[in-house]
Amino acid sequence: MSSSDTVTEEAKLKKNDDVLVLSKSWQDYMAALLIDFFLIVLPILLFLTMDIGVGSFVLANSLVSRQARNISSKKLKTVVQSSSPLIILGFARLLSTTGVDYQVHVGEYGVHWNFFFTLATMSILTSIIDVPPKYCGILGSVILVGYQSCLMRGLNMYLFSEERGADPISQNKEGLFSVFGMCNLAYATMVLAVNLQANVLTGVVNLSMNTLFASPITALSILIAYALTFCVVIGLVDFYGIRLKFW
């Protein structure tokens, strides 16, 4: 192997799952905050951009995943250790939102579930189901077809129903079943740092004011400040080469 090939291979290995999500993902976080201002700034038809943002995360991380670079998955112990901050953050968000009576739309992830739990679950599943990279496309297609078939055979009615039982699955059906739709075995997470910052900023805004009754000028000013803060922090992290994942 030539020296140039060695350098290329080392560069591929260094570009691991710790890579930050594509810079354009800030638009998804903007959409998340815009939802809180209801019709003041964002028309209701554009609410779906936040759902598109979740799919964008999957696509962006698929391009830099271990499977896409033909690298074997991590060991289960390593993945659980790597995902532990996500699990902790998931419980922290659950306790904090419950403690301050934060407005949570249960139709998105369920009563107790949240996006951090989804990220952790997908990361662990991609390690447990350790298939060769060349077969990931086949397995992803099987999951896609199987999940869509279940939706067409009545699962969608169950998920859209507002009735909930006392069991954990029924309480968090939206979040639990969304894992199957997003788990394409190429989504091992490092959106933690970016997603955490956006969640904290959105939470601060919601706790400090009633977003549904904000004036257009106030709403627009907050959105500009939010976007500026978000971009500046991520830009500084990238410029100085700061490693955000330390566990």
Protein backbone atom coordinates (compact mmCIF):
# COMPACT_ATOMS: atom_id res chain seq x y z
CA MET A 1 0.00 0.00 0.00
CA SER A 2 1.39 3.39 -0.99
CA SER A 3 1.81 6.27 1.44
CA SER A 4 -1.04 8.19 -0.22
CA ASP A 5 -3.38 5.21 0.22
CA THR A 6 -2.37 4.96 3.87
CA VAL A 7 -3.14 8.63 4.45
CA THR A 8 -6.50 8.25 2.72
CA GLU A 9 -7.41 5.22 4.84
CA GLU A 10 -6.42 7.02 8.04
CA ALA A 11 -8.55 9.99 7.03
CA LYS A 12 -11.53 7.69 6.48
CA LEU A 13 -11.12 6.15 9.90
CA LYS A 14 -10.77 9.53 11.59
CA LYS A 15 -14.01 10.71 10.00
CA ASN A 16 -16.13 8.57 12.28
CA ASP A 17 -19.58 8.76 13.79
CA ASP A 18 -18.53 11.75 15.90
CA VAL A 19 -18.88 14.01 12.86
CA LEU A 20 -21.30 16.88 13.40
CA VAL A 21 -24.50 16.95 11.41
CA LEU A 22 -24.47 18.96 8.21
CA SER A 23 -24.50 22.69 8.79
CA LYS A 24 -27.85 23.05 7.04
CA SER A 25 -29.50 21.20 9.92
CA TRP A 26 -29.87 24.54 11.71
CA GLN A 27 -32.94 25.06 9.51
CA ASP A 28 -34.59 22.11 11.24
CA TYR A 29 -34.00 23.66 14.65
CA MET A 30 -35.37 26.97 13.40
CA ALA A 31 -38.52 25.15 12.32
CA ALA A 32 -38.79 23.58 15.78
CA LEU A 33 -38.77 27.00 17.45
CA LEU A 34 -41.08 28.49 14.83
CA ILE A 35 -43.71 25.93 15.80
CA ASP A 36 -43.94 27.56 19.23
CA PHE A 37 -44.91 30.86 17.64
CA PHE A 38 -47.80 29.14 15.84
CA LEU A 39 -49.22 31.34 13.04
CA ILE A 40 -47.38 34.54 13.97
CA VAL A 41 -44.41 33.81 11.72
CA LEU A 42 -44.84 30.32 10.28
CA PRO A 43 -47.90 29.19 8.27
CA ILE A 44 -49.41 25.96 9.51
CA LEU A 45 -48.69 24.20 6.21
CA LEU A 46 -44.95 24.54 6.90
CA PHE A 47 -45.14 22.67 10.20
CA LEU A 48 -44.12 19.51 8.36
CA THR A 49 -40.62 20.91 7.77
CA MET A 50 -39.73 19.79 11.29
CA ASP A 51 -40.64 16.20 10.37
CA ILE A 52 -38.55 16.51 7.21
CA GLY A 53 -35.69 17.65 9.42
CA VAL A 54 -35.70 14.35 11.30
CA GLY A 55 -35.35 12.50 8.01
CA SER A 56 -32.56 14.88 7.03
CA PHE A 57 -30.62 13.81 10.10
CA VAL A 58 -30.93 10.19 9.03
CA LEU A 59 -29.72 11.00 5.51
CA ALA A 60 -26.84 13.21 6.67
CA ASN A 61 -25.54 10.65 9.14
CA SER A 62 -25.98 7.81 6.65
CA LEU A 63 -23.41 9.45 4.40
CA VAL A 64 -20.72 9.33 7.12
CA SER A 65 -21.78 6.16 8.93
CA ARG A 66 -19.52 3.17 9.52
CA GLN A 67 -21.63 1.03 7.21
CA ALA A 68 -21.28 3.52 4.36
CA ARG A 69 -17.48 3.48 4.82
CA ASN A 70 -17.34 -0.32 5.03
CA ILE A 71 -16.17 -0.33 8.66
CA SER A 72 -17.37 -2.93 11.15
CA SER A 73 -19.79 -1.77 13.85
CA LYS A 74 -18.67 -1.10 17.39
CA LYS A 75 -19.05 -3.66 20.16
CA LEU A 76 -22.29 -3.59 22.11
CA LYS A 77 -20.55 -2.53 25.33
CA THR A 78 -18.92 0.40 23.55
CA VAL A 79 -22.19 1.47 21.94
CA VAL A 80 -24.10 1.33 25.23
CA GLN A 81 -21.38 3.40 26.86
CA SER A 82 -21.45 5.86 23.95
CA SER A 83 -25.25 6.08 24.09
CA SER A 84 -25.46 6.49 27.87
CA PRO A 85 -25.37 10.33 27.71
CA LEU A 86 -28.35 10.23 25.35
CA ILE A 87 -30.26 8.01 27.77
CA ILE A 88 -29.37 10.29 30.67
CA LEU A 89 -30.43 13.36 28.69
CA GLY A 90 -33.67 11.63 27.75
CA PHE A 91 -34.55 11.06 31.40
CA ALA A 92 -33.33 14.55 32.33
CA ARG A 93 -35.61 16.10 29.72
CA LEU A 94 -38.51 13.96 30.90
CA LEU A 95 -38.03 14.98 34.53
CA SER A 96 -37.46 18.65 33.74
CA THR A 97 -40.46 19.03 31.43
CA THR A 98 -42.66 17.24 33.94
CA GLY A 99 -41.33 19.26 36.86
CA VAL A 100 -41.96 22.69 35.31
CA ASP A 101 -45.17 21.68 33.53
CA TYR A 102 -43.54 22.38 30.14
CA GLN A 103 -45.88 22.17 27.14
CA VAL A 104 -45.27 18.82 25.43
CA HIS A 105 -47.24 17.55 22.44
CA VAL A 106 -47.80 13.87 23.27
CA GLY A 107 -48.79 13.14 19.69
CA GLU A 108 -45.17 13.58 18.61
CA TYR A 109 -43.28 11.02 20.71
CA GLY A 110 -45.75 9.96 23.40
CA VAL A 111 -46.10 10.69 27.09
CA HIS A 112 -42.59 9.82 28.27
CA TRP A 113 -40.56 9.28 25.09
CA ASN A 114 -38.43 11.96 23.41
CA PHE A 115 -35.90 12.37 20.61
CA PHE A 116 -32.94 11.51 22.86
CA PHE A 117 -34.42 8.07 23.56
CA THR A 118 -34.94 7.55 19.83
CA LEU A 119 -31.30 8.39 19.08
CA ALA A 120 -30.04 6.04 21.80
CA THR A 121 -32.30 3.20 20.66
CA MET A 122 -31.21 3.47 17.04
CA SER A 123 -27.54 3.58 18.00
CA ILE A 124 -27.86 0.44 20.13
CA LEU A 125 -29.92 -1.42 17.53
CA THR A 126 -27.35 -0.79 14.81
CA SER A 127 -24.81 -2.57 17.00
CA ILE A 128 -27.03 -5.51 17.98
CA ILE A 129 -28.07 -6.11 14.37
CA ASP A 130 -24.52 -6.23 13.05
CA VAL A 131 -24.82 -7.01 9.34
CA PRO A 132 -22.08 -6.58 6.73
CA PRO A 133 -22.18 -3.10 5.16
CA LYS A 134 -23.01 -4.50 1.72
CA TYR A 135 -26.25 -5.99 3.08
CA CYS A 136 -27.42 -2.86 4.91
CA GLY A 137 -29.39 -1.71 1.89
CA ILE A 138 -31.26 -5.01 1.74
CA LEU A 139 -32.04 -4.99 5.45
CA GLY A 140 -33.10 -1.34 5.26
CA SER A 141 -35.49 -2.19 2.42
CA VAL A 142 -36.94 -5.12 4.39
CA ILE A 143 -37.54 -2.86 7.40
CA LEU A 144 -39.11 -0.20 5.16
CA VAL A 145 -41.45 -2.61 3.36
CA GLY A 146 -42.37 -4.43 6.56
CA TYR A 147 -43.12 -1.26 8.50
CA GLN A 148 -45.14 0.25 5.65
CA SER A 149 -47.13 -2.98 5.33
CA CYS A 150 -47.96 -2.86 9.04
CA LEU A 151 -49.07 0.76 8.69
CA MET A 152 -51.37 -0.12 5.81
CA ARG A 153 -52.84 -3.05 7.74
CA GLY A 154 -54.05 -0.99 10.68
CA LEU A 155 -50.98 0.13 12.61
CA ASN A 156 -51.51 3.71 11.44
CA MET A 157 -54.99 3.74 13.00
CA TYR A 158 -53.48 2.62 16.29
CA LEU A 159 -50.78 5.29 16.17
CA PHE A 160 -53.19 8.10 15.25
CA SER A 161 -55.72 7.10 17.88
CA GLU A 162 -55.82 9.35 20.95
CA GLU A 163 -56.74 6.44 23.20
CA ARG A 164 -53.90 5.27 25.43
CA GLY A 165 -53.71 2.37 27.82
CA ALA A 166 -51.75 2.20 31.06
CA ASP A 167 -48.91 0.12 29.59
CA PRO A 168 -45.62 1.81 28.54
CA ILE A 169 -46.00 0.80 24.88
CA SER A 170 -49.42 2.42 24.54
CA GLN A 171 -48.27 5.50 26.45
CA ASN A 172 -45.30 6.01 24.10
CA LYS A 173 -46.50 4.34 20.91
CA GLU A 174 -45.53 7.22 18.60
CA GLY A 175 -41.92 7.32 19.75
CA LEU A 176 -41.42 3.56 19.98
CA PHE A 177 -42.78 2.77 16.54
CA SER A 178 -40.98 5.71 14.94
CA VAL A 179 -37.72 3.87 15.61
CA PHE A 180 -38.62 1.31 12.93
CA GLY A 181 -39.22 4.06 10.41
CA MET A 182 -35.91 5.79 11.08
CA CYS A 183 -33.62 2.89 11.94
CA ASN A 184 -31.87 2.24 8.62
CA LEU A 185 -28.71 0.79 10.23
CA ALA A 186 -26.70 3.75 9.04
CA TYR A 187 -27.69 6.22 11.72
CA ALA A 188 -25.25 6.01 14.61
CA THR A 189 -25.55 9.20 16.52
CA MET A 190 -23.50 12.28 17.04
CA VAL A 191 -26.18 14.88 16.74
CA LEU A 192 -26.07 15.09 20.52
CA ALA A 193 -24.16 18.35 20.89
CA VAL A 194 -26.09 20.22 18.19
CA ASN A 195 -29.47 18.81 19.20
CA LEU A 196 -28.83 19.55 22.88
CA GLN A 197 -27.98 23.18 22.20
CA ALA A 198 -31.13 23.66 20.12
CA ASN A 199 -33.30 21.99 22.77
CA VAL A 200 -31.85 24.16 25.53
CA LEU A 201 -32.36 27.37 23.55
CA THR A 202 -35.92 26.42 22.62
CA GLY A 203 -36.67 25.52 26.23
CA VAL A 204 -35.34 28.85 27.49
CA VAL A 205 -37.57 30.73 25.06
CA ASN A 206 -40.67 28.74 26.04
CA LEU A 207 -40.07 29.13 29.77
CA SER A 208 -39.41 32.86 29.55
CA MET A 209 -42.48 33.88 27.55
CA ASN A 210 -45.83 32.79 26.15
CA THR A 211 -44.87 32.15 22.52
CA LEU A 212 -48.45 31.71 21.32
CA PHE A 213 -49.31 35.33 22.14
CA ALA A 214 -46.06 37.06 21.17
CA SER A 215 -46.22 40.02 18.81
CA PRO A 216 -44.81 39.62 15.28
CA ILE A 217 -41.86 41.93 16.04
CA THR A 218 -41.01 40.06 19.24
CA ALA A 219 -41.29 36.68 17.53
CA LEU A 220 -39.07 37.72 14.63
CA SER A 221 -36.47 39.26 16.96
CA ILE A 222 -36.25 36.08 19.03
CA LEU A 223 -35.92 33.92 15.93
CA ILE A 224 -33.08 36.07 14.59
CA ALA A 225 -31.27 35.97 17.94
CA TYR A 226 -31.84 32.21 18.16
CA ALA A 227 -30.42 31.56 14.69
CA LEU A 228 -27.45 33.86 15.30
CA THR A 229 -26.58 32.20 18.62
CA PHE A 230 -26.91 28.74 17.15
CA CYS A 231 -24.75 29.49 14.10
CA VAL A 232 -22.06 31.33 16.10
CA VAL A 233 -21.62 28.48 18.58
CA ILE A 234 -21.44 25.78 15.90
CA GLY A 235 -19.16 27.96 13.77
CA LEU A 236 -16.72 28.47 16.66
CA VAL A 237 -16.72 24.76 17.43
CA ASP A 238 -15.88 23.94 13.82
CA PHE A 239 -13.29 26.74 13.46
CA TYR A 240 -11.33 25.73 16.55
CA GLY A 241 -11.74 22.00 15.94
CA ILE A 242 -13.31 21.42 19.34
CA ARG A 243 -14.22 17.81 20.06
CA LEU A 244 -17.65 17.79 21.69
CA LYS A 245 -17.86 14.07 22.36
CA PHE A 246 -15.67 13.13 25.32
CA TRP A 247 -17.12 9.80 26.53
